[in-house]
Amino acid sequence: MTTAKRLYQVTKELPESMLSEILDFAELLKQRKSLEKKQTGNIAHRIHRRFKNLEGEGLPIPERQLSRMPPQWDH
């Protein structure tokens, strides 16, 4: 028996609420699989593609502030 047939046999007696959860999970797996195929190029390119729609490239970068004063070494 194929996996699809086994899945049908197991799920045909489940209530609608459980079937909805199974469908959501199956769609999540399908989405992950399609995302894995799209991941080409190096990590920098993937990060850029993921965040490009946020339109944050023109945001100003604030000055860095020290979290504490560095120690004073007396010589």
Protein backbone atom coordinates (compact mmCIF):
# COMPACT_ATOMS: atom_id res chain seq x y z
CA MET A 1 0.00 0.00 0.00
CA THR A 2 1.38 3.42 -0.93
CA THR A 3 1.86 6.15 1.62
CA ALA A 4 -0.92 8.22 0.04
CA LYS A 5 -3.34 5.29 0.36
CA ARG A 6 -2.30 4.67 3.97
CA LEU A 7 -2.78 8.36 4.75
CA TYR A 8 -6.25 8.23 3.21
CA GLN A 9 -7.16 5.10 5.21
CA VAL A 10 -6.00 6.65 8.48
CA THR A 11 -7.62 10.03 7.92
CA LYS A 12 -10.99 9.07 6.45
CA GLU A 13 -12.45 8.42 9.90
CA LEU A 14 -11.03 11.50 11.63
CA PRO A 15 -13.17 14.52 12.52
CA GLU A 16 -12.98 17.64 10.35
CA SER A 17 -10.97 19.58 12.95
CA MET A 18 -8.17 16.99 12.86
CA LEU A 19 -8.25 16.86 9.08
CA SER A 20 -7.81 20.62 9.03
CA GLU A 21 -4.68 20.30 11.20
CA ILE A 22 -3.28 17.58 8.95
CA LEU A 23 -3.90 19.73 5.88
CA ASP A 24 -2.21 22.73 7.50
CA PHE A 25 0.82 20.60 8.33
CA ALA A 26 0.99 19.15 4.81
CA GLU A 27 0.84 22.65 3.32
CA LEU A 28 3.62 23.77 5.66
CA LEU A 29 5.81 20.89 4.51
CA LYS A 30 5.07 21.73 0.88
CA GLN A 31 6.00 25.37 1.48
CA ARG A 32 9.28 24.40 3.17
CA LYS A 33 10.16 22.16 0.27
CA SER A 34 9.58 24.94 -2.26
CA LEU A 35 11.68 27.34 -0.16
CA GLU A 36 14.55 24.86 -0.04
CA LYS A 37 14.60 24.72 -3.84
CA LYS A 38 14.78 28.52 -4.08
CA GLN A 39 17.77 28.83 -1.76
CA THR A 40 20.58 29.37 -4.20
CA GLY A 41 23.61 31.62 -3.96
CA ASN A 42 25.57 32.48 -0.89
CA ILE A 43 24.19 33.46 2.50
CA ALA A 44 24.52 37.21 1.85
CA HIS A 45 22.36 36.97 -1.27
CA ARG A 46 19.72 34.92 0.57
CA ILE A 47 19.60 37.42 3.44
CA HIS A 48 19.29 40.30 0.99
CA ARG A 49 16.43 38.58 -0.85
CA ARG A 50 14.61 37.85 2.39
CA PHE A 51 14.72 41.44 3.64
CA LYS A 52 14.57 43.40 0.36
CA ASN A 53 10.84 44.11 0.68
CA LEU A 54 11.28 45.81 4.05
CA GLU A 55 12.69 48.90 2.32
CA GLY A 56 15.22 49.42 5.09
CA GLU A 57 18.24 50.23 2.94
CA GLY A 58 17.75 53.99 3.33
CA LEU A 59 17.37 53.93 7.12
CA PRO A 60 19.95 55.95 9.03
CA ILE A 61 22.32 53.98 11.24
CA PRO A 62 22.56 55.57 14.71
CA GLU A 63 25.91 56.35 16.28
CA ARG A 64 27.25 53.56 18.45
CA GLN A 65 27.10 54.27 22.17
CA LEU A 66 29.32 52.58 24.70
CA SER A 67 27.47 50.39 27.17
CA ARG A 68 30.09 51.18 29.82
CA MET A 69 33.23 53.23 30.13
CA PRO A 70 36.42 51.38 29.23
CA PRO A 71 38.86 50.82 32.13
CA GLN A 72 41.57 53.40 32.75
CA TRP A 73 44.99 51.80 32.97
CA ASP A 74 47.49 53.84 34.94
CA HIS A 75 51.06 53.47 33.80
